[in-house]
Amino acid sequence: MERESFIPLVVKWAKAHGFKDIQANMEGYEVPKSYERAADNLKFTPDVTGVNMFNRHYLEVSMKTDQLRGSISKWKLLSELAGMKGAKLYLMAPRGHVRFIREVVDQYNIPAEVVKID
């Protein structure tokens, strides 16, 4: 399945866990703010953002992929932004991808919480 097909599940999870002012990179929602890396002008747009406890948190669909390098760069940027704002990066992993994502997070020392979505 495509990453985009999991975004509604992430939005549902965010609502169930008390997130407000949800922005999602899908139809029917305001698109989250994009961030651009100065080194190569590459743009990163979070899949979902939401406010909880007065901080904007980032929620990202995470899956096994061959193009992992781009994902790692995006996760590091979002975790850095979240850390500066006292927020969190949640990596939302579908069934079958959780262990792989946890290993990548540990290997690259990314401060993120891996959450299983169904």
PDB file of N, CA and C in Angstrom:
ATOM      1  N   MET A   1       0.840  -1.202   0.000  1.00  0.00           N
ATOM      2  CA  MET A   1       0.000   0.000   0.000  1.00  0.00           C
ATOM      3  C   MET A   1       0.876   1.254   0.000  1.00  0.00           C
ATOM      4  N   GLU A   2       0.304   2.315  -0.512  1.00  0.00           N
ATOM      5  CA  GLU A   2       1.018   3.576  -0.567  1.00  0.00           C
ATOM      6  C   GLU A   2       0.974   4.294   0.781  1.00  0.00           C
ATOM      7  N   ARG A   3       1.985   5.102   1.030  1.00  0.00           N
ATOM      8  CA  ARG A   3       2.044   5.886   2.276  1.00  0.00           C
ATOM      9  C   ARG A   3       0.790   6.750   2.447  1.00  0.00           C
ATOM     10  N   GLU A   4       0.354   7.362   1.337  1.00  0.00           N
ATOM     11  CA  GLU A   4      -0.765   8.298   1.390  1.00  0.00           C
ATOM     12  C   GLU A   4      -2.046   7.632   1.906  1.00  0.00           C
ATOM     13  N   SER A   5      -2.189   6.338   1.668  1.00  0.00           N
ATOM     14  CA  SER A   5      -3.402   5.645   2.102  1.00  0.00           C
ATOM     15  C   SER A   5      -3.465   5.510   3.629  1.00  0.00           C
ATOM     16  N   PHE A   6      -2.345   5.703   4.316  1.00  0.00           N
ATOM     17  CA  PHE A   6      -2.309   5.596   5.771  1.00  0.00           C
ATOM     18  C   PHE A   6      -2.540   6.942   6.475  1.00  0.00           C
ATOM     19  N   ILE A   7      -2.499   8.040   5.743  1.00  0.00           N
ATOM     20  CA  ILE A   7      -2.662   9.363   6.356  1.00  0.00           C
ATOM     21  C   ILE A   7      -4.011   9.500   7.071  1.00  0.00           C
ATOM     22  N   PRO A   8      -5.140   9.014   6.488  1.00  0.00           N
ATOM     23  CA  PRO A   8      -6.401   9.095   7.247  1.00  0.00           C
ATOM     24  C   PRO A   8      -6.347   8.340   8.584  1.00  0.00           C
ATOM     25  N   LEU A   9      -5.615   7.227   8.641  1.00  0.00           N
ATOM     26  CA  LEU A   9      -5.463   6.499   9.905  1.00  0.00           C
ATOM     27  C   LEU A   9      -4.676   7.319  10.924  1.00  0.00           C
ATOM     28  N   VAL A  10      -3.669   8.041  10.452  1.00  0.00           N
ATOM     29  CA  VAL A  10      -2.865   8.893  11.332  1.00  0.00           C
ATOM     30  C   VAL A  10      -3.728  10.036  11.874  1.00  0.00           C
ATOM     31  N   VAL A  11      -4.557  10.630  11.008  1.00  0.00           N
ATOM     32  CA  VAL A  11      -5.456  11.706  11.448  1.00  0.00           C
ATOM     33  C   VAL A  11      -6.429  11.166  12.498  1.00  0.00           C
ATOM     34  N   LYS A  12      -6.968   9.982  12.260  1.00  0.00           N
ATOM     35  CA  LYS A  12      -7.888   9.359  13.221  1.00  0.00           C
ATOM     36  C   LYS A  12      -7.182   9.122  14.560  1.00  0.00           C
ATOM     37  N   TRP A  13      -5.944   8.622  14.532  1.00  0.00           N
ATOM     38  CA  TRP A  13      -5.165   8.397  15.750  1.00  0.00           C
ATOM     39  C   TRP A  13      -4.948   9.715  16.491  1.00  0.00           C
ATOM     40  N   ALA A  14      -4.589  10.768  15.730  1.00  0.00           N
ATOM     41  CA  ALA A  14      -4.326  12.079  16.342  1.00  0.00           C
ATOM     42  C   ALA A  14      -5.575  12.610  17.040  1.00  0.00           C
ATOM     43  N   LYS A  15      -6.733  12.493  16.395  1.00  0.00           N
ATOM     44  CA  LYS A  15      -7.981  12.961  17.004  1.00  0.00           C
ATOM     45  C   LYS A  15      -8.296  12.162  18.261  1.00  0.00           C
ATOM     46  N   ALA A  16      -8.075  10.849  18.206  1.00  0.00           N
ATOM     47  CA  ALA A  16      -8.362   9.986  19.354  1.00  0.00           C
ATOM     48  C   ALA A  16      -7.439  10.279  20.536  1.00  0.00           C
ATOM     49  N   HIS A  17      -6.257  10.829  20.264  1.00  0.00           N
ATOM     50  CA  HIS A  17      -5.297  11.119  21.326  1.00  0.00           C
ATOM     51  C   HIS A  17      -5.276  12.599  21.711  1.00  0.00           C
ATOM     52  N   GLY A  18      -6.343  13.325  21.370  1.00  0.00           N
ATOM     53  CA  GLY A  18      -6.518  14.683  21.864  1.00  0.00           C
ATOM     54  C   GLY A  18      -5.804  15.784  21.104  1.00  0.00           C
ATOM     55  N   PHE A  19      -5.333  15.508  19.912  1.00  0.00           N
ATOM     56  CA  PHE A  19      -4.685  16.553  19.119  1.00  0.00           C
ATOM     57  C   PHE A  19      -5.745  17.471  18.531  1.00  0.00           C
ATOM     58  N   LYS A  20      -5.460  18.756  18.516  1.00  0.00           N
ATOM     59  CA  LYS A  20      -6.360  19.777  17.965  1.00  0.00           C
ATOM     60  C   LYS A  20      -5.650  20.466  16.805  1.00  0.00           C
ATOM     61  N   ASP A  21      -6.390  21.287  16.067  1.00  0.00           N
ATOM     62  CA  ASP A  21      -5.829  22.066  14.963  1.00  0.00           C
ATOM     63  C   ASP A  21      -4.996  21.166  14.043  1.00  0.00           C
ATOM     64  N   ILE A  22      -5.599  20.075  13.609  1.00  0.00           N
ATOM     65  CA  ILE A  22      -4.885  19.087  12.802  1.00  0.00           C
ATOM     66  C   ILE A  22      -4.771  19.563  11.358  1.00  0.00           C
ATOM     67  N   GLN A  23      -3.557  19.492  10.839  1.00  0.00           N
ATOM     68  CA  GLN A  23      -3.282  19.776   9.432  1.00  0.00           C
ATOM     69  C   GLN A  23      -2.732  18.491   8.825  1.00  0.00           C
ATOM     70  N   ALA A  24      -3.207  18.156   7.627  1.00  0.00           N
ATOM     71  CA  ALA A  24      -2.776  16.907   7.007  1.00  0.00           C
ATOM     72  C   ALA A  24      -2.517  17.115   5.523  1.00  0.00           C
ATOM     73  N   ASN A  25      -1.580  16.366   5.006  1.00  0.00           N
ATOM     74  CA  ASN A  25      -1.211  16.442   3.603  1.00  0.00           C
ATOM     75  C   ASN A  25      -2.158  15.555   2.790  1.00  0.00           C
ATOM     76  N   MET A  26      -3.471  15.871   2.903  1.00  0.00           N
ATOM     77  CA  MET A  26      -4.495  15.137   2.151  1.00  0.00           C
ATOM     78  C   MET A  26      -5.691  16.051   1.928  1.00  0.00           C
ATOM     79  N   GLU A  27      -6.578  15.638   1.047  1.00  0.00           N
ATOM     80  CA  GLU A  27      -7.740  16.429   0.694  1.00  0.00           C
ATOM     81  C   GLU A  27      -8.667  16.612   1.897  1.00  0.00           C
ATOM     82  N   GLY A  28      -9.208  17.812   2.044  1.00  0.00           N
ATOM     83  CA  GLY A  28     -10.131  18.093   3.122  1.00  0.00           C
ATOM     84  C   GLY A  28      -9.477  18.731   4.343  1.00  0.00           C
ATOM     85  N   TYR A  29      -8.171  18.837   4.342  1.00  0.00           N
ATOM     86  CA  TYR A  29      -7.430  19.426   5.461  1.00  0.00           C
ATOM     87  C   TYR A  29      -6.479  20.483   4.932  1.00  0.00           C
ATOM     88  N   GLU A  30      -6.152  21.438   5.796  1.00  0.00           N
ATOM     89  CA  GLU A  30      -5.131  22.422   5.462  1.00  0.00           C
ATOM     90  C   GLU A  30      -3.787  21.701   5.396  1.00  0.00           C
ATOM     91  N   VAL A  31      -2.985  22.006   4.386  1.00  0.00           N
ATOM     92  CA  VAL A  31      -1.682  21.352   4.218  1.00  0.00           C
ATOM     93  C   VAL A  31      -0.690  21.950   5.210  1.00  0.00           C
ATOM     94  N   PRO A  32       0.069  21.089   5.927  1.00  0.00           N
ATOM     95  CA  PRO A  32       1.066  21.608   6.880  1.00  0.00           C
ATOM     96  C   PRO A  32       2.137  22.447   6.188  1.00  0.00           C
ATOM     97  N   LYS A  33       2.754  23.310   6.947  1.00  0.00           N
ATOM     98  CA  LYS A  33       3.834  24.164   6.439  1.00  0.00           C
ATOM     99  C   LYS A  33       5.007  23.309   5.972  1.00  0.00           C
ATOM    100  N   SER A  34       5.569  23.644   4.810  1.00  0.00           N
ATOM    101  CA  SER A  34       6.745  22.943   4.286  1.00  0.00           C
ATOM    102  C   SER A  34       8.010  23.613   4.794  1.00  0.00           C
ATOM    103  N   TYR A  35       9.052  22.818   4.939  1.00  0.00           N
ATOM    104  CA  TYR A  35      10.352  23.321   5.367  1.00  0.00           C
ATOM    105  C   TYR A  35      11.360  23.008   4.281  1.00  0.00           C
ATOM    106  N   GLU A  36      12.258  23.964   4.029  1.00  0.00           N
ATOM    107  CA  GLU A  36      13.218  23.802   2.962  1.00  0.00           C
ATOM    108  C   GLU A  36      14.626  23.732   3.524  1.00  0.00           C
ATOM    109  N   ARG A  37      15.393  22.754   3.047  1.00  0.00           N
ATOM    110  CA  ARG A  37      16.782  22.607   3.488  1.00  0.00           C
ATOM    111  C   ARG A  37      17.643  23.545   2.659  1.00  0.00           C
ATOM    112  N   ALA A  38      18.406  24.380   3.309  1.00  0.00           N
ATOM    113  CA  ALA A  38      19.197  25.413   2.625  1.00  0.00           C
ATOM    114  C   ALA A  38      20.275  24.822   1.723  1.00  0.00           C
ATOM    115  N   ALA A  39      20.847  23.695   2.104  1.00  0.00           N
ATOM    116  CA  ALA A  39      21.970  23.123   1.359  1.00  0.00           C
ATOM    117  C   ALA A  39      21.591  22.779  -0.085  1.00  0.00           C
ATOM    118  N   ASP A  40      20.396  22.209  -0.274  1.00  0.00           N
ATOM    119  CA  ASP A  40      20.024  21.771  -1.632  1.00  0.00           C
ATOM    120  C   ASP A  40      18.607  22.178  -2.043  1.00  0.00           C
ATOM    121  N   ASN A  41      17.992  23.081  -1.274  1.00  0.00           N
ATOM    122  CA  ASN A  41      16.639  23.574  -1.543  1.00  0.00           C
ATOM    123  C   ASN A  41      15.599  22.461  -1.639  1.00  0.00           C
ATOM    124  N   LEU A  42      15.807  21.368  -0.940  1.00  0.00           N
ATOM    125  CA  LEU A  42      14.861  20.263  -0.913  1.00  0.00           C
ATOM    126  C   LEU A  42      13.764  20.577   0.094  1.00  0.00           C
ATOM    127  N   LYS A  43      12.497  20.419  -0.328  1.00  0.00           N
ATOM    128  CA  LYS A  43      11.367  20.748   0.549  1.00  0.00           C
ATOM    129  C   LYS A  43      10.865  19.503   1.261  1.00  0.00           C
ATOM    130  N   PHE A  44      10.541  19.683   2.549  1.00  0.00           N
ATOM    131  CA  PHE A  44       9.966  18.619   3.368  1.00  0.00           C
ATOM    132  C   PHE A  44       8.616  19.100   3.888  1.00  0.00           C
ATOM    133  N   THR A  45       7.563  18.306   3.643  1.00  0.00           N
ATOM    134  CA  THR A  45       6.234  18.613   4.163  1.00  0.00           C
ATOM    135  C   THR A  45       5.799  17.476   5.074  1.00  0.00           C
ATOM    136  N   PRO A  46       5.500  17.762   6.341  1.00  0.00           N
ATOM    137  CA  PRO A  46       5.044  16.696   7.238  1.00  0.00           C
ATOM    138  C   PRO A  46       3.720  16.107   6.748  1.00  0.00           C
ATOM    139  N   ASP A  47       3.487  14.816   7.022  1.00  0.00           N
ATOM    140  CA  ASP A  47       2.223  14.190   6.633  1.00  0.00           C
ATOM    141  C   ASP A  47       1.073  14.772   7.434  1.00  0.00           C
ATOM    142  N   VAL A  48       1.247  14.871   8.751  1.00  0.00           N
ATOM    143  CA  VAL A  48       0.204  15.387   9.644  1.00  0.00           C
ATOM    144  C   VAL A  48       0.873  16.183  10.761  1.00  0.00           C
ATOM    145  N   THR A  49       0.245  17.295  11.145  1.00  0.00           N
ATOM    146  CA  THR A  49       0.682  18.024  12.333  1.00  0.00           C
ATOM    147  C   THR A  49      -0.548  18.263  13.197  1.00  0.00           C
ATOM    148  N   GLY A  50      -0.329  18.389  14.495  1.00  0.00           N
ATOM    149  CA  GLY A  50      -1.436  18.645  15.401  1.00  0.00           C
ATOM    150  C   GLY A  50      -0.925  19.270  16.689  1.00  0.00           C
ATOM    151  N   VAL A  51      -1.791  20.026  17.346  1.00  0.00           N
ATOM    152  CA  VAL A  51      -1.427  20.699  18.585  1.00  0.00           C
ATOM    153  C   VAL A  51      -1.950  19.890  19.767  1.00  0.00           C
ATOM    154  N   ASN A  52      -1.057  19.610  20.708  1.00  0.00           N
ATOM    155  CA  ASN A  52      -1.402  18.914  21.940  1.00  0.00           C
ATOM    156  C   ASN A  52      -0.536  19.516  23.043  1.00  0.00           C
ATOM    157  N   MET A  53      -1.152  19.889  24.142  1.00  0.00           N
ATOM    158  CA  MET A  53      -0.419  20.514  25.250  1.00  0.00           C
ATOM    159  C   MET A  53       0.320  21.776  24.786  1.00  0.00           C
ATOM    160  N   PHE A  54      -0.337  22.578  23.943  1.00  0.00           N
ATOM    161  CA  PHE A  54       0.144  23.880  23.460  1.00  0.00           C
ATOM    162  C   PHE A  54       1.340  23.799  22.515  1.00  0.00           C
ATOM    163  N   ASN A  55       1.738  22.609  22.093  1.00  0.00           N
ATOM    164  CA  ASN A  55       2.862  22.464  21.165  1.00  0.00           C
ATOM    165  C   ASN A  55       2.404  21.758  19.899  1.00  0.00           C
ATOM    166  N   ARG A  56       2.986  22.147  18.760  1.00  0.00           N
ATOM    167  CA  ARG A  56       2.660  21.496  17.487  1.00  0.00           C
ATOM    168  C   ARG A  56       3.577  20.291  17.303  1.00  0.00           C
ATOM    169  N   HIS A  57       2.968  19.122  17.225  1.00  0.00           N
ATOM    170  CA  HIS A  57       3.695  17.871  17.050  1.00  0.00           C
ATOM    171  C   HIS A  57       3.626  17.431  15.588  1.00  0.00           C
ATOM    172  N   TYR A  58       4.614  16.656  15.170  1.00  0.00           N
ATOM    173  CA  TYR A  58       4.667  16.163  13.799  1.00  0.00           C
ATOM    174  C   TYR A  58       4.402  14.659  13.792  1.00  0.00           C
ATOM    175  N   LEU A  59       3.517  14.212  12.891  1.00  0.00           N
ATOM    176  CA  LEU A  59       3.185  12.803  12.759  1.00  0.00           C
ATOM    177  C   LEU A  59       3.485  12.390  11.320  1.00  0.00           C
ATOM    178  N   GLU A  60       4.322  11.389  11.174  1.00  0.00           N
ATOM    179  CA  GLU A  60       4.836  11.009   9.869  1.00  0.00           C
ATOM    180  C   GLU A  60       4.582   9.525   9.621  1.00  0.00           C
ATOM    181  N   VAL A  61       3.986   9.189   8.466  1.00  0.00           N
ATOM    182  CA  VAL A  61       3.808   7.788   8.097  1.00  0.00           C
ATOM    183  C   VAL A  61       5.186   7.230   7.740  1.00  0.00           C
ATOM    184  N   SER A  62       5.547   6.092   8.357  1.00  0.00           N
ATOM    185  CA  SER A  62       6.882   5.517   8.166  1.00  0.00           C
ATOM    186  C   SER A  62       6.747   4.074   7.709  1.00  0.00           C
ATOM    187  N   MET A  63       7.426   3.749   6.608  1.00  0.00           N
ATOM    188  CA  MET A  63       7.352   2.402   6.056  1.00  0.00           C
ATOM    189  C   MET A  63       8.722   1.955   5.565  1.00  0.00           C
ATOM    190  N   LYS A  64       8.888   0.625   5.441  1.00  0.00           N
ATOM    191  CA  LYS A  64      10.102   0.094   4.820  1.00  0.00           C
ATOM    192  C   LYS A  64      10.139   0.593   3.386  1.00  0.00           C
ATOM    193  N   THR A  65      11.302   1.049   2.953  1.00  0.00           N
ATOM    194  CA  THR A  65      11.424   1.566   1.592  1.00  0.00           C
ATOM    195  C   THR A  65      12.867   1.460   1.122  1.00  0.00           C
ATOM    196  N   ASP A  66      13.047   1.487  -0.177  1.00  0.00           N
ATOM    197  CA  ASP A  66      14.401   1.468  -0.738  1.00  0.00           C
ATOM    198  C   ASP A  66      15.034   2.855  -0.667  1.00  0.00           C
ATOM    199  N   GLN A  67      14.208   3.899  -0.672  1.00  0.00           N
ATOM    200  CA  GLN A  67      14.705   5.269  -0.596  1.00  0.00           C
ATOM    201  C   GLN A  67      14.667   5.754   0.849  1.00  0.00           C
ATOM    202  N   LEU A  68      15.360   5.063   1.717  1.00  0.00           N
ATOM    203  CA  LEU A  68      15.324   5.376   3.149  1.00  0.00           C
ATOM    204  C   LEU A  68      16.088   6.652   3.481  1.00  0.00           C
ATOM    205  N   ARG A  69      17.088   6.972   2.704  1.00  0.00           N
ATOM    206  CA  ARG A  69      17.928   8.137   2.997  1.00  0.00           C
ATOM    207  C   ARG A  69      17.116   9.439   3.057  1.00  0.00           C
ATOM    208  N   GLY A  70      16.203   9.631   2.109  1.00  0.00           N
ATOM    209  CA  GLY A  70      15.360  10.825   2.108  1.00  0.00           C
ATOM    210  C   GLY A  70      14.458  10.873   3.321  1.00  0.00           C
ATOM    211  N   SER A  71      13.926   9.717   3.713  1.00  0.00           N
ATOM    212  CA  SER A  71      13.058   9.651   4.892  1.00  0.00           C
ATOM    213  C   SER A  71      13.834  10.006   6.150  1.00  0.00           C
ATOM    214  N   ILE A  72      15.038   9.492   6.268  1.00  0.00           N
ATOM    215  CA  ILE A  72      15.860   9.761   7.449  1.00  0.00           C
ATOM    216  C   ILE A  72      16.160  11.254   7.554  1.00  0.00           C
ATOM    217  N   SER A  73      16.480  11.893   6.445  1.00  0.00           N
ATOM    218  CA  SER A  73      16.734  13.338   6.446  1.00  0.00           C
ATOM    219  C   SER A  73      15.503  14.101   6.917  1.00  0.00           C
ATOM    220  N   LYS A  74      14.341  13.696   6.406  1.00  0.00           N
ATOM    221  CA  LYS A  74      13.092  14.353   6.786  1.00  0.00           C
ATOM    222  C   LYS A  74      12.803  14.147   8.266  1.00  0.00           C
ATOM    223  N   TRP A  75      12.989  12.921   8.762  1.00  0.00           N
ATOM    224  CA  TRP A  75      12.733  12.622  10.176  1.00  0.00           C
ATOM    225  C   TRP A  75      13.671  13.412  11.079  1.00  0.00           C
ATOM    226  N   LYS A  76      14.936  13.519  10.692  1.00  0.00           N
ATOM    227  CA  LYS A  76      15.895  14.276  11.504  1.00  0.00           C
ATOM    228  C   LYS A  76      15.511  15.754  11.563  1.00  0.00           C
ATOM    229  N   LEU A  77      15.108  16.308  10.423  1.00  0.00           N
ATOM    230  CA  LEU A  77      14.692  17.707  10.382  1.00  0.00           C
ATOM    231  C   LEU A  77      13.460  17.926  11.264  1.00  0.00           C
ATOM    232  N   LEU A  78      12.447  17.065  11.109  1.00  0.00           N
ATOM    233  CA  LEU A  78      11.215  17.233  11.884  1.00  0.00           C
ATOM    234  C   LEU A  78      11.450  17.020  13.377  1.00  0.00           C
ATOM    235  N   SER A  79      12.321  16.073  13.732  1.00  0.00           N
ATOM    236  CA  SER A  79      12.594  15.849  15.156  1.00  0.00           C
ATOM    237  C   SER A  79      13.355  17.040  15.741  1.00  0.00           C
ATOM    238  N   GLU A  80      14.210  17.637  14.942  1.00  0.00           N
ATOM    239  CA  GLU A  80      14.947  18.829  15.378  1.00  0.00           C
ATOM    240  C   GLU A  80      13.977  19.999  15.598  1.00  0.00           C
ATOM    241  N   LEU A  81      13.067  20.198  14.651  1.00  0.00           N
ATOM    242  CA  LEU A  81      12.062  21.266  14.786  1.00  0.00           C
ATOM    243  C   LEU A  81      11.168  21.023  15.999  1.00  0.00           C
ATOM    244  N   ALA A  82      10.734  19.779  16.172  1.00  0.00           N
ATOM    245  CA  ALA A  82       9.877  19.437  17.312  1.00  0.00           C
ATOM    246  C   ALA A  82      10.614  19.684  18.624  1.00  0.00           C
ATOM    247  N   GLY A  83      11.872  19.286  18.682  1.00  0.00           N
ATOM    248  CA  GLY A  83      12.670  19.471  19.896  1.00  0.00           C
ATOM    249  C   GLY A  83      12.837  20.932  20.266  1.00  0.00           C
ATOM    250  N   MET A  84      12.998  21.796  19.262  1.00  0.00           N
ATOM    251  CA  MET A  84      13.156  23.224  19.526  1.00  0.00           C
ATOM    252  C   MET A  84      11.876  23.830  20.090  1.00  0.00           C
ATOM    253  N   LYS A  85      10.736  23.234  19.746  1.00  0.00           N
ATOM    254  CA  LYS A  85       9.445  23.764  20.178  1.00  0.00           C
ATOM    255  C   LYS A  85       8.880  23.012  21.376  1.00  0.00           C
ATOM    256  N   GLY A  86       9.644  22.096  21.948  1.00  0.00           N
ATOM    257  CA  GLY A  86       9.158  21.315  23.078  1.00  0.00           C
ATOM    258  C   GLY A  86       8.092  20.319  22.677  1.00  0.00           C
ATOM    259  N   ALA A  87       8.114  19.893  21.424  1.00  0.00           N
ATOM    260  CA  ALA A  87       7.110  18.963  20.893  1.00  0.00           C
ATOM    261  C   ALA A  87       7.765  17.621  20.586  1.00  0.00           C
ATOM    262  N   LYS A  88       7.042  16.758  19.873  1.00  0.00           N
ATOM    263  CA  LYS A  88       7.519  15.413  19.563  1.00  0.00           C
ATOM    264  C   LYS A  88       7.308  15.074  18.107  1.00  0.00           C
ATOM    265  N   LEU A  89       8.141  14.164  17.610  1.00  0.00           N
ATOM    266  CA  LEU A  89       7.941  13.563  16.296  1.00  0.00           C
ATOM    267  C   LEU A  89       7.407  12.159  16.531  1.00  0.00           C
ATOM    268  N   TYR A  90       6.264  11.867  15.942  1.00  0.00           N
ATOM    269  CA  TYR A  90       5.684  10.531  16.008  1.00  0.00           C
ATOM    270  C   TYR A  90       5.844   9.884  14.641  1.00  0.00           C
ATOM    271  N   LEU A  91       6.503   8.730  14.598  1.00  0.00           N
ATOM    272  CA  LEU A  91       6.616   7.967  13.363  1.00  0.00           C
ATOM    273  C   LEU A  91       5.546   6.884  13.404  1.00  0.00           C
ATOM    274  N   MET A  92       4.557   7.011  12.552  1.00  0.00           N
ATOM    275  CA  MET A  92       3.408   6.123  12.542  1.00  0.00           C
ATOM    276  C   MET A  92       3.688   4.985  11.562  1.00  0.00           C
ATOM    277  N   ALA A  93       3.867   3.785  12.099  1.00  0.00           N
ATOM    278  CA  ALA A  93       4.260   2.644  11.269  1.00  0.00           C
ATOM    279  C   ALA A  93       3.126   1.625  11.172  1.00  0.00           C
ATOM    280  N   PRO A  94       2.744   1.240   9.958  1.00  0.00           N
ATOM    281  CA  PRO A  94       1.728   0.199   9.790  1.00  0.00           C
ATOM    282  C   PRO A  94       2.259  -1.160  10.236  1.00  0.00           C
ATOM    283  N   ARG A  95       1.347  -2.087  10.432  1.00  0.00           N
ATOM    284  CA  ARG A  95       1.710  -3.450  10.817  1.00  0.00           C
ATOM    285  C   ARG A  95       2.753  -4.007   9.838  1.00  0.00           C
ATOM    286  N   GLY A  96       3.786  -4.623  10.380  1.00  0.00           N
ATOM    287  CA  GLY A  96       4.839  -5.192   9.553  1.00  0.00           C
ATOM    288  C   GLY A  96       6.019  -4.257   9.317  1.00  0.00           C
ATOM    289  N   HIS A  97       5.870  -3.006   9.701  1.00  0.00           N
ATOM    290  CA  HIS A  97       6.939  -2.021   9.486  1.00  0.00           C
ATOM    291  C   HIS A  97       7.519  -1.504  10.799  1.00  0.00           C
ATOM    292  N   VAL A  98       6.863  -1.801  11.913  1.00  0.00           N
ATOM    293  CA  VAL A  98       7.217  -1.209  13.208  1.00  0.00           C
ATOM    294  C   VAL A  98       8.646  -1.554  13.619  1.00  0.00           C
ATOM    295  N   ARG A  99       8.990  -2.834  13.600  1.00  0.00           N
ATOM    296  CA  ARG A  99      10.322  -3.249  14.055  1.00  0.00           C
ATOM    297  C   ARG A  99      11.425  -2.618  13.206  1.00  0.00           C
ATOM    298  N   PHE A 100      11.220  -2.595  11.893  1.00  0.00           N
ATOM    299  CA  PHE A 100      12.192  -1.996  10.987  1.00  0.00           C
ATOM    300  C   PHE A 100      12.388  -0.511  11.310  1.00  0.00           C
ATOM    301  N   ILE A 101      11.284   0.212  11.511  1.00  0.00           N
ATOM    302  CA  ILE A 101      11.370   1.652  11.803  1.00  0.00           C
ATOM    303  C   ILE A 101      12.064   1.889  13.139  1.00  0.00           C
ATOM    304  N   ARG A 102      11.753   1.058  14.155  1.00  0.00           N
ATOM    305  CA  ARG A 102      12.427   1.198  15.464  1.00  0.00           C
ATOM    306  C   ARG A 102      13.931   0.993  15.315  1.00  0.00           C
ATOM    307  N   GLU A 103      14.334   0.009  14.504  1.00  0.00           N
ATOM    308  CA  GLU A 103      15.765  -0.246  14.285  1.00  0.00           C
ATOM    309  C   GLU A 103      16.433   0.947  13.603  1.00  0.00           C
ATOM    310  N   VAL A 104      15.761   1.540  12.620  1.00  0.00           N
ATOM    311  CA  VAL A 104      16.316   2.706  11.914  1.00  0.00           C
ATOM    312  C   VAL A 104      16.442   3.889  12.874  1.00  0.00           C
ATOM    313  N   VAL A 105      15.421   4.117  13.689  1.00  0.00           N
ATOM    314  CA  VAL A 105      15.444   5.214  14.663  1.00  0.00           C
ATOM    315  C   VAL A 105      16.605   5.035  15.638  1.00  0.00           C
ATOM    316  N   ASP A 106      16.807   3.804  16.112  1.00  0.00           N
ATOM    317  CA  ASP A 106      17.925   3.532  17.024  1.00  0.00           C
ATOM    318  C   ASP A 106      19.267   3.694  16.316  1.00  0.00           C
ATOM    319  N   GLN A 107      19.363   3.163  15.102  1.00  0.00           N
ATOM    320  CA  GLN A 107      20.626   3.213  14.356  1.00  0.00           C
ATOM    321  C   GLN A 107      21.064   4.649  14.063  1.00  0.00           C
ATOM    322  N   TYR A 108      20.120   5.506  13.687  1.00  0.00           N
ATOM    323  CA  TYR A 108      20.447   6.885  13.319  1.00  0.00           C
ATOM    324  C   TYR A 108      20.209   7.871  14.457  1.00  0.00           C
ATOM    325  N   ASN A 109      19.880   7.356  15.643  1.00  0.00           N
ATOM    326  CA  ASN A 109      19.713   8.178  16.841  1.00  0.00           C
ATOM    327  C   ASN A 109      18.735   9.337  16.619  1.00  0.00           C
ATOM    328  N   ILE A 110      17.547   9.004  16.120  1.00  0.00           N
ATOM    329  CA  ILE A 110      16.514  10.002  15.856  1.00  0.00           C
ATOM    330  C   ILE A 110      15.567  10.032  17.048  1.00  0.00           C
ATOM    331  N   PRO A 111      15.423  11.186  17.710  1.00  0.00           N
ATOM    332  CA  PRO A 111      14.502  11.261  18.845  1.00  0.00           C
ATOM    333  C   PRO A 111      13.052  11.303  18.365  1.00  0.00           C
ATOM    334  N   ALA A 112      12.439  10.126  18.299  1.00  0.00           N
ATOM    335  CA  ALA A 112      11.061  10.020  17.810  1.00  0.00           C
ATOM    336  C   ALA A 112      10.363   8.870  18.534  1.00  0.00           C
ATOM    337  N   GLU A 113       9.049   8.961  18.601  1.00  0.00           N
ATOM    338  CA  GLU A 113       8.256   7.883  19.179  1.00  0.00           C
ATOM    339  C   GLU A 113       7.612   7.106  18.024  1.00  0.00           C
ATOM    340  N   VAL A 114       7.878   5.799  17.973  1.00  0.00           N
ATOM    341  CA  VAL A 114       7.313   4.953  16.923  1.00  0.00           C
ATOM    342  C   VAL A 114       5.987   4.394  17.434  1.00  0.00           C
ATOM    343  N   VAL A 115       4.931   4.614  16.645  1.00  0.00           N
ATOM    344  CA  VAL A 115       3.582   4.188  17.019  1.00  0.00           C
ATOM    345  C   VAL A 115       3.040   3.267  15.932  1.00  0.00           C
ATOM    346  N   LYS A 116       2.456   2.147  16.341  1.00  0.00           N
ATOM    347  CA  LYS A 116       1.871   1.206  15.389  1.00  0.00           C
ATOM    348  C   LYS A 116       0.458   1.643  15.036  1.00  0.00           C
ATOM    349  N   ILE A 117       0.158   1.695  13.731  1.00  0.00           N
ATOM    350  CA  ILE A 117      -1.193   2.003  13.283  1.00  0.00           C
ATOM    351  C   ILE A 117      -1.736   0.806  12.483  1.00  0.00           C
ATOM    352  N   ASP A 118      -3.036   0.608  12.557  1.00  0.00           N
ATOM    353  CA  ASP A 118      -3.675  -0.494  11.816  1.00  0.00           C
ATOM    354  C   ASP A 118      -4.690   0.060  10.837  1.00  0.00           C
TER     355      ASP A 118
END
